[in-house]
C-alpha atoms as a PDB file:
ATOM      1  CA  UNK A   1      -5.082  11.295  16.926  1.00  0.00           C
ATOM      2  CA  UNK A   2      -2.465  10.608  14.214  1.00  0.00           C
ATOM      3  CA  UNK A   3      -1.752  12.982  12.636  1.00  0.00           C
ATOM      4  CA  UNK A   4      -0.009  12.134   8.721  1.00  0.00           C
ATOM      5  CA  UNK A   5       3.272  13.902   8.177  1.00  0.00           C
ATOM      6  CA  UNK A   6       3.322  14.622   4.431  1.00  0.00           C
ATOM      7  CA  UNK A   7       6.559  16.067   2.363  1.00  0.00           C
ATOM      8  CA  UNK A   8       5.449  17.860  -0.684  1.00  0.00           C
ATOM      9  CA  UNK A   9       8.232  18.998  -3.394  1.00  0.00           C
ATOM     10  CA  UNK A  10       6.747  21.685  -5.888  1.00  0.00           C
ATOM     11  CA  UNK A  11       8.401  24.399  -7.646  1.00  0.00           C
ATOM     12  CA  UNK A  12       5.490  25.746  -8.894  1.00  0.00           C
ATOM     13  CA  UNK A  13       4.310  27.971  -6.052  1.00  0.00           C
ATOM     14  CA  UNK A  14       0.614  28.789  -7.007  1.00  0.00           C
ATOM     15  CA  UNK A  15       0.405  24.857  -7.194  1.00  0.00           C
ATOM     16  CA  UNK A  16       2.313  24.220  -4.087  1.00  0.00           C
ATOM     17  CA  UNK A  17      -0.146  26.342  -1.938  1.00  0.00           C
ATOM     18  CA  UNK A  18      -2.784  24.629  -3.774  1.00  0.00           C
ATOM     19  CA  UNK A  19      -2.156  21.883  -2.525  1.00  0.00           C
ATOM     20  CA  UNK A  20      -0.636  22.198  -0.032  1.00  0.00           C
ATOM     21  CA  UNK A  21      -3.768  23.776   1.749  1.00  0.00           C
ATOM     22  CA  UNK A  22      -6.215  21.585   0.119  1.00  0.00           C
ATOM     23  CA  UNK A  23      -3.688  18.591   2.207  1.00  0.00           C
ATOM     24  CA  UNK A  24      -4.048  20.538   5.862  1.00  0.00           C
ATOM     25  CA  UNK A  25      -7.695  20.784   5.062  1.00  0.00           C
ATOM     26  CA  UNK A  26      -8.223  17.019   5.189  1.00  0.00           C
ATOM     27  CA  UNK A  27      -6.081  16.672   8.531  1.00  0.00           C
ATOM     28  CA  UNK A  28      -2.763  16.387   7.593  1.00  0.00           C
ATOM     29  CA  UNK A  29       0.492  18.173   8.737  1.00  0.00           C
ATOM     30  CA  UNK A  30       2.360  19.134   5.530  1.00  0.00           C
ATOM     31  CA  UNK A  31       6.381  20.536   5.045  1.00  0.00           C
ATOM     32  CA  UNK A  32       6.939  22.355   1.584  1.00  0.00           C
ATOM     33  CA  UNK A  33      10.022  21.957  -0.432  1.00  0.00           C
ATOM     34  CA  UNK A  34      10.879  23.807  -3.470  1.00  0.00           C
ATOM     35  CA  UNK A  35      13.670  22.441  -4.875  1.00  0.00           C
ATOM     36  CA  UNK A  36      16.130  18.621  -4.692  1.00  0.00           C
ATOM     37  CA  UNK A  37      18.332  19.935  -2.240  1.00  0.00           C
ATOM     38  CA  UNK A  38      15.513  21.080  -0.034  1.00  0.00           C
ATOM     39  CA  UNK A  39      13.376  17.891  -0.095  1.00  0.00           C
ATOM     40  CA  UNK A  40      16.637  16.405   1.328  1.00  0.00           C
ATOM     41  CA  UNK A  41      17.157  18.165   3.730  1.00  0.00           C
ATOM     42  CA  UNK A  42      13.567  17.978   5.209  1.00  0.00           C
ATOM     43  CA  UNK A  43      13.336  14.269   4.284  1.00  0.00           C
ATOM     44  CA  UNK A  44      16.617  13.581   6.890  1.00  0.00           C
ATOM     45  CA  UNK A  45      15.292  16.145   9.448  1.00  0.00           C
ATOM     46  CA  UNK A  46      12.007  15.593  10.210  1.00  0.00           C
ATOM     47  CA  UNK A  47       9.730  12.005  10.019  1.00  0.00           C
ATOM     48  CA  UNK A  48       7.176  11.939   6.945  1.00  0.00           C
ATOM     49  CA  UNK A  49       4.725   9.301   6.433  1.00  0.00           C
ATOM     50  CA  UNK A  50       4.524  10.174   2.798  1.00  0.00           C
ATOM     51  CA  UNK A  51       6.179  12.207  -0.190  1.00  0.00           C
ATOM     52  CA  UNK A  52       4.734  14.155  -2.817  1.00  0.00           C
ATOM     53  CA  UNK A  53       7.149  14.794  -5.907  1.00  0.00           C
ATOM     54  CA  UNK A  54       7.739  16.646  -8.341  1.00  0.00           C
ATOM     55  CA  UNK A  55      10.006  15.470 -11.252  1.00  0.00           C
ATOM     56  CA  UNK A  56      11.438  18.621 -12.877  1.00  0.00           C
ATOM     57  CA  UNK A  57      12.833  20.512  -9.905  1.00  0.00           C
ATOM     58  CA  UNK A  58      15.946  23.052  -9.593  1.00  0.00           C
ATOM     59  CA  UNK A  59      19.608  21.645  -8.597  1.00  0.00           C
ATOM     60  CA  UNK A  60      18.021  17.529  -8.036  1.00  0.00           C
ATOM     61  CA  UNK A  61      15.229  16.734 -10.385  1.00  0.00           C
ATOM     62  CA  UNK A  62      12.788  14.709  -8.400  1.00  0.00           C
ATOM     63  CA  UNK A  63      13.776  10.965  -9.892  1.00  0.00           C
ATOM     64  CA  UNK A  64      17.154  11.541  -7.814  1.00  0.00           C
ATOM     65  CA  UNK A  65      15.466  12.875  -5.007  1.00  0.00           C
ATOM     66  CA  UNK A  66      13.642   9.294  -5.000  1.00  0.00           C
ATOM     67  CA  UNK A  67      16.501   7.331  -5.410  1.00  0.00           C
ATOM     68  CA  UNK A  68      18.468   9.065  -2.120  1.00  0.00           C
ATOM     69  CA  UNK A  69      14.978   8.554  -0.189  1.00  0.00           C
ATOM     70  CA  UNK A  70      15.167   4.882  -1.539  1.00  0.00           C
ATOM     71  CA  UNK A  71      18.536   4.491  -0.516  1.00  0.00           C
ATOM     72  CA  UNK A  72      18.218   5.529   2.617  1.00  0.00           C
ATOM     73  CA  UNK A  73      13.894   4.266   3.487  1.00  0.00           C
ATOM     74  CA  UNK A  74      12.489   1.330   1.447  1.00  0.00           C
ATOM     75  CA  UNK A  75       9.050   2.032   2.842  1.00  0.00           C
ATOM     76  CA  UNK A  76       7.846   5.299   2.758  1.00  0.00           C
ATOM     77  CA  UNK A  77       5.314   6.027   0.440  1.00  0.00           C
ATOM     78  CA  UNK A  78       6.408   8.581  -2.545  1.00  0.00           C
ATOM     79  CA  UNK A  79       3.749   9.997  -5.228  1.00  0.00           C
ATOM     80  CA  UNK A  80       5.072  11.232  -7.909  1.00  0.00           C
ATOM     81  CA  UNK A  81       2.682  14.572  -9.278  1.00  0.00           C
ATOM     82  CA  UNK A  82       4.617  15.695 -12.469  1.00  0.00           C
ATOM     83  CA  UNK A  83       3.873  17.046 -16.039  1.00  0.00           C
ATOM     84  CA  UNK A  84       5.900  13.872 -17.167  1.00  0.00           C
ATOM     85  CA  UNK A  85       3.723  12.062 -18.598  1.00  0.00           C
ATOM     86  CA  UNK A  86       4.582   9.437 -21.434  1.00  0.00           C
ATOM     87  CA  UNK A  87       5.272   5.658 -20.388  1.00  0.00           C
ATOM     88  CA  UNK A  88       9.319   5.911 -20.608  1.00  0.00           C
ATOM     89  CA  UNK A  89       8.886   8.442 -17.993  1.00  0.00           C
ATOM     90  CA  UNK A  90       6.493   6.413 -15.480  1.00  0.00           C
ATOM     91  CA  UNK A  91       8.232   3.725 -15.611  1.00  0.00           C
ATOM     92  CA  UNK A  92      11.622   5.494 -14.833  1.00  0.00           C
ATOM     93  CA  UNK A  93       9.760   6.452 -11.481  1.00  0.00           C
ATOM     94  CA  UNK A  94       7.860   3.570 -10.677  1.00  0.00           C
ATOM     95  CA  UNK A  95      11.157   1.412 -11.288  1.00  0.00           C
ATOM     96  CA  UNK A  96      13.215   3.589  -9.232  1.00  0.00           C
ATOM     97  CA  UNK A  97      10.466   2.848  -5.668  1.00  0.00           C
ATOM     98  CA  UNK A  98       8.119   5.152  -6.308  1.00  0.00           C
ATOM     99  CA  UNK A  99       4.373   3.704  -5.126  1.00  0.00           C
ATOM    100  CA  UNK A 100       1.918   6.090  -7.461  1.00  0.00           C
ATOM    101  CA  UNK A 101       2.409   8.252 -10.467  1.00  0.00           C
ATOM    102  CA  UNK A 102       0.200  11.092 -11.360  1.00  0.00           C
ATOM    103  CA  UNK A 103       0.332  13.349 -14.471  1.00  0.00           C
ATOM    104  CA  UNK A 104      -0.051  17.294 -14.638  1.00  0.00           C
ATOM    105  CA  UNK A 105      -2.787  18.423 -15.030  1.00  0.00           C
ATOM    106  CA  UNK A 106      -4.615  16.421 -12.542  1.00  0.00           C
ATOM    107  CA  UNK A 107      -7.757  15.991 -10.868  1.00  0.00           C
ATOM    108  CA  UNK A 108      -7.508  17.426  -6.994  1.00  0.00           C
ATOM    109  CA  UNK A 109      -9.932  15.021  -5.661  1.00  0.00           C
ATOM    110  CA  UNK A 110      -7.974  12.256  -7.335  1.00  0.00           C
ATOM    111  CA  UNK A 111      -5.256  13.193  -5.934  1.00  0.00           C
ATOM    112  CA  UNK A 112      -6.537  13.229  -2.115  1.00  0.00           C
ATOM    113  CA  UNK A 113      -7.567   9.609  -3.180  1.00  0.00           C
ATOM    114  CA  UNK A 114      -4.490   8.807  -3.879  1.00  0.00           C
ATOM    115  CA  UNK A 115      -2.816   9.908  -0.454  1.00  0.00           C
ATOM    116  CA  UNK A 116      -5.613   8.432   1.386  1.00  0.00           C
ATOM    117  CA  UNK A 117      -4.910   5.039  -0.205  1.00  0.00           C
ATOM    118  CA  UNK A 118      -0.835   5.501   0.189  1.00  0.00           C
ATOM    119  CA  UNK A 119      -1.817   6.526   3.950  1.00  0.00           C
ATOM    120  CA  UNK A 120      -3.968   3.461   4.450  1.00  0.00           C
ATOM    121  CA  UNK A 121      -1.350   0.948   3.135  1.00  0.00           C
ATOM    122  CA  UNK A 122       1.574   2.313   5.214  1.00  0.00           C
ATOM    123  CA  UNK A 123      -0.786   2.457   8.247  1.00  0.00           C
ATOM    124  CA  UNK A 124       0.471  -0.992   9.870  1.00  0.00           C
ATOM    125  CA  UNK A 125       2.951  -0.474  12.452  1.00  0.00           C
ATOM    126  CA  UNK A 126       6.284  -1.825  11.512  1.00  0.00           C
ATOM    127  CA  UNK A 127       6.372  -4.816  14.263  1.00  0.00           C
ATOM    128  CA  UNK A 128       3.189  -6.160  12.858  1.00  0.00           C
ATOM    129  CA  UNK A 129       4.788  -6.541   9.231  1.00  0.00           C
ATOM    130  CA  UNK A 130       6.789  -9.360  10.389  1.00  0.00           C
ATOM    131  CA  UNK A 131       4.819 -12.129  10.815  1.00  0.00           C
ATOM    132  CA  UNK A 132       6.777 -15.611   9.943  1.00  0.00           C
ATOM    133  CA  UNK A 133       4.659 -18.202  11.289  1.00  0.00           C
ATOM    134  CA  UNK A 134       1.101 -18.783  12.054  1.00  0.00           C
ATOM    135  CA  UNK A 135      -0.382 -21.211  13.328  1.00  0.00           C
ATOM    136  CA  UNK A 136      -4.360 -22.422  13.861  1.00  0.00           C
ATOM    137  CA  UNK A 137      -6.363 -25.144  14.996  1.00  0.00           C
ATOM    138  CA  UNK A 138      -3.738 -27.888  13.370  1.00  0.00           C
ATOM    139  CA  UNK A 139      -3.221 -25.684  10.612  1.00  0.00           C
ATOM    140  CA  UNK A 140      -0.123 -23.703   9.664  1.00  0.00           C
ATOM    141  CA  UNK A 141       1.072 -21.058   7.628  1.00  0.00           C
ATOM    142  CA  UNK A 142       4.762 -20.180   7.014  1.00  0.00           C
ATOM    143  CA  UNK A 143       5.310 -16.390   5.398  1.00  0.00           C
ATOM    144  CA  UNK A 144       8.701 -17.068   4.884  1.00  0.00           C
ATOM    145  CA  UNK A 145       8.902 -19.920   2.794  1.00  0.00           C
ATOM    146  CA  UNK A 146       5.209 -19.619   1.727  1.00  0.00           C
ATOM    147  CA  UNK A 147       4.521 -23.533   2.589  1.00  0.00           C
ATOM    148  CA  UNK A 148       0.726 -24.427   4.690  1.00  0.00           C
ATOM    149  CA  UNK A 149       0.318 -27.618   6.973  1.00  0.00           C
ATOM    150  CA  UNK A 150      -3.468 -27.635   6.220  1.00  0.00           C
ATOM    151  CA  UNK A 151      -6.208 -30.139   6.313  1.00  0.00           C
ATOM    152  CA  UNK A 152      -5.283 -33.753   7.148  1.00  0.00           C
ATOM    153  CA  UNK A 153      -1.662 -32.628   8.140  1.00  0.00           C
ATOM    154  CA  UNK A 154      -0.913 -31.871   4.017  1.00  0.00           C
ATOM    155  CA  UNK A 155       1.623 -29.751   3.197  1.00  0.00           C
ATOM    156  CA  UNK A 156       1.538 -27.616   0.444  1.00  0.00           C
ATOM    157  CA  UNK A 157       3.365 -24.344  -0.822  1.00  0.00           C
ATOM    158  CA  UNK A 158       1.441 -21.654  -2.296  1.00  0.00           C
ATOM    159  CA  UNK A 159       1.342 -18.662  -4.064  1.00  0.00           C
ATOM    160  CA  UNK A 160       2.879 -15.137  -2.894  1.00  0.00           C
ATOM    161  CA  UNK A 161      -0.440 -13.429  -3.915  1.00  0.00           C
ATOM    162  CA  UNK A 162      -2.159 -16.144  -1.661  1.00  0.00           C
ATOM    163  CA  UNK A 163       0.250 -15.084   1.121  1.00  0.00           C
ATOM    164  CA  UNK A 164      -0.318 -11.852   0.767  1.00  0.00           C
ATOM    165  CA  UNK A 165      -4.220 -12.021   0.789  1.00  0.00           C
ATOM    166  CA  UNK A 166      -3.993 -14.431   4.603  1.00  0.00           C
ATOM    167  CA  UNK A 167      -1.408 -11.983   6.123  1.00  0.00           C
ATOM    168  CA  UNK A 168      -3.837  -9.291   5.294  1.00  0.00           C
ATOM    169  CA  UNK A 169      -6.956 -10.841   6.339  1.00  0.00           C
ATOM    170  CA  UNK A 170      -5.139 -12.603   9.562  1.00  0.00           C
ATOM    171  CA  UNK A 171      -3.266  -9.108  10.956  1.00  0.00           C
ATOM    172  CA  UNK A 172      -7.214  -8.512  10.366  1.00  0.00           C
ATOM    173  CA  UNK A 173      -8.438 -10.922  12.186  1.00  0.00           C
ATOM    174  CA  UNK A 174     -12.630 -10.746  13.984  1.00  0.00           C
ATOM    175  CA  UNK A 175     -12.751  -7.045  11.381  1.00  0.00           C
ATOM    176  CA  UNK A 176     -14.448  -7.572   8.050  1.00  0.00           C
ATOM    177  CA  UNK A 177     -12.049  -7.010   5.346  1.00  0.00           C
ATOM    178  CA  UNK A 178     -13.830  -5.048   2.565  1.00  0.00           C
ATOM    179  CA  UNK A 179     -13.646  -5.859  -1.446  1.00  0.00           C
ATOM    180  CA  UNK A 180     -12.306  -2.814  -1.998  1.00  0.00           C
ATOM    181  CA  UNK A 181      -9.489  -2.468   0.535  1.00  0.00           C
ATOM    182  CA  UNK A 182      -8.172  -6.462  -0.092  1.00  0.00           C
ATOM    183  CA  UNK A 183      -7.731  -5.213  -4.235  1.00  0.00           C
ATOM    184  CA  UNK A 184      -5.912  -2.185  -3.383  1.00  0.00           C
ATOM    185  CA  UNK A 185      -3.397  -3.829  -1.013  1.00  0.00           C
ATOM    186  CA  UNK A 186      -3.236  -7.537  -2.560  1.00  0.00           C
ATOM    187  CA  UNK A 187      -3.910  -6.479  -6.298  1.00  0.00           C
ATOM    188  CA  UNK A 188      -2.595  -2.765  -6.504  1.00  0.00           C
ATOM    189  CA  UNK A 189      -4.559   0.300  -7.575  1.00  0.00           C
ATOM    190  CA  UNK A 190      -3.076  -0.722 -11.526  1.00  0.00           C
ATOM    191  CA  UNK A 191      -4.578  -3.817 -11.579  1.00  0.00           C
ATOM    192  CA  UNK A 192      -8.381  -4.665 -12.004  1.00  0.00           C
ATOM    193  CA  UNK A 193      -9.382  -8.317 -11.390  1.00  0.00           C
ATOM    194  CA  UNK A 194     -13.155  -9.748 -11.549  1.00  0.00           C
ATOM    195  CA  UNK A 195     -15.476  -9.698  -8.843  1.00  0.00           C
ATOM    196  CA  UNK A 196     -15.182 -13.251  -8.615  1.00  0.00           C
ATOM    197  CA  UNK A 197     -10.976 -13.584  -8.042  1.00  0.00           C
ATOM    198  CA  UNK A 198     -11.375 -12.714  -4.352  1.00  0.00           C
ATOM    199  CA  UNK A 199     -14.193 -15.267  -4.016  1.00  0.00           C
ATOM    200  CA  UNK A 200     -12.079 -18.215  -5.797  1.00  0.00           C
ATOM    201  CA  UNK A 201      -9.061 -17.246  -3.344  1.00  0.00           C
ATOM    202  CA  UNK A 202     -11.321 -17.566  -0.292  1.00  0.00           C
ATOM    203  CA  UNK A 203     -12.603 -20.890  -1.823  1.00  0.00           C
ATOM    204  CA  UNK A 204      -9.044 -21.863  -2.099  1.00  0.00           C
ATOM    205  CA  UNK A 205      -8.449 -21.086   1.868  1.00  0.00           C
ATOM    206  CA  UNK A 206     -11.273 -23.225   2.606  1.00  0.00           C
ATOM    207  CA  UNK A 207      -9.927 -26.182   0.819  1.00  0.00           C
ATOM    208  CA  UNK A 208      -6.553 -26.167   2.564  1.00  0.00           C
ATOM    209  CA  UNK A 209      -7.536 -25.280   6.147  1.00  0.00           C
ATOM    210  CA  UNK A 210     -11.590 -25.780   6.692  1.00  0.00           C
ATOM    211  CA  UNK A 211     -12.667 -29.654   7.800  1.00  0.00           C
ATOM    212  CA  UNK A 212     -15.582 -28.861   6.438  1.00  0.00           C
ATOM    213  CA  UNK A 213     -15.613 -26.498   3.540  1.00  0.00           C
ATOM    214  CA  UNK A 214     -19.353 -25.600   3.520  1.00  0.00           C
ATOM    215  CA  UNK A 215     -19.760 -24.864   6.996  1.00  0.00           C
ATOM    216  CA  UNK A 216     -16.399 -22.657   7.303  1.00  0.00           C
ATOM    217  CA  UNK A 217     -14.208 -21.937  10.796  1.00  0.00           C
ATOM    218  CA  UNK A 218     -12.097 -19.541   9.504  1.00  0.00           C
ATOM    219  CA  UNK A 219     -12.680 -18.210   6.151  1.00  0.00           C
ATOM    220  CA  UNK A 220     -16.198 -16.115   6.072  1.00  0.00           C
ATOM    221  CA  UNK A 221     -17.680 -14.284   2.999  1.00  0.00           C
ATOM    222  CA  UNK A 222     -19.871 -11.679   4.598  1.00  0.00           C
ATOM    223  CA  UNK A 223     -22.128 -10.756   1.829  1.00  0.00           C
ATOM    224  CA  UNK A 224     -22.323  -7.302   0.016  1.00  0.00           C
ATOM    225  CA  UNK A 225     -19.218  -6.461   2.386  1.00  0.00           C
ATOM    226  CA  UNK A 226     -16.791  -8.248   2.373  1.00  0.00           C
ATOM    227  CA  UNK A 227     -14.557 -11.338   4.131  1.00  0.00           C
ATOM    228  CA  UNK A 228     -13.063 -12.368   7.489  1.00  0.00           C
ATOM    229  CA  UNK A 229     -10.994 -14.644   9.197  1.00  0.00           C
ATOM    230  CA  UNK A 230     -11.336 -16.538  12.871  1.00  0.00           C
ATOM    231  CA  UNK A 231      -8.534 -17.741  14.229  1.00  0.00           C
END
């Protein structure tokens, strides 16, 4: 079993212990830190899957800690957990490279859910992330240039979001990917498209890649469940 390792940075002792206990009850390994300097030392000493980071810390504040982390690792998910709740603080945190921002006081169940989502986003091994060119049937997708070769050898340039959705479905080929996971990974937690949005993308993919759109061979809608790609 792959146990996830979380760096928890919080200078309020009672809150630190409460969050640590609940994360450990969820099966995570937790390394605590109470200052910005201690957080950076632990970050450089261990391999973590997620950082939960307060902003108002002794020695070095959380914004500066996040900035240092991003200089050395652009992939590690960072979740700010802070009493600094103004929109300017939130924007600053996200600009520095944080993946999520939760303000105090917070609901513990919501925190655990956000942790789960961030870890799920980051679970794909690096080796799998670098799809550059993918072919299936007579079709071809270039994930670098956003160009596709589709039905009747037609060449088109598609959008960044279309590329992101194609990449997700292709990496999970043969599996049903839920609507919730697609919205989370392709649109993000702060965007709420209508329920028809993904359907419209799938219809576009059928137009691009299917010889018979009414009997698709590659892009399938599984009613009430999600979507599946067959190569």
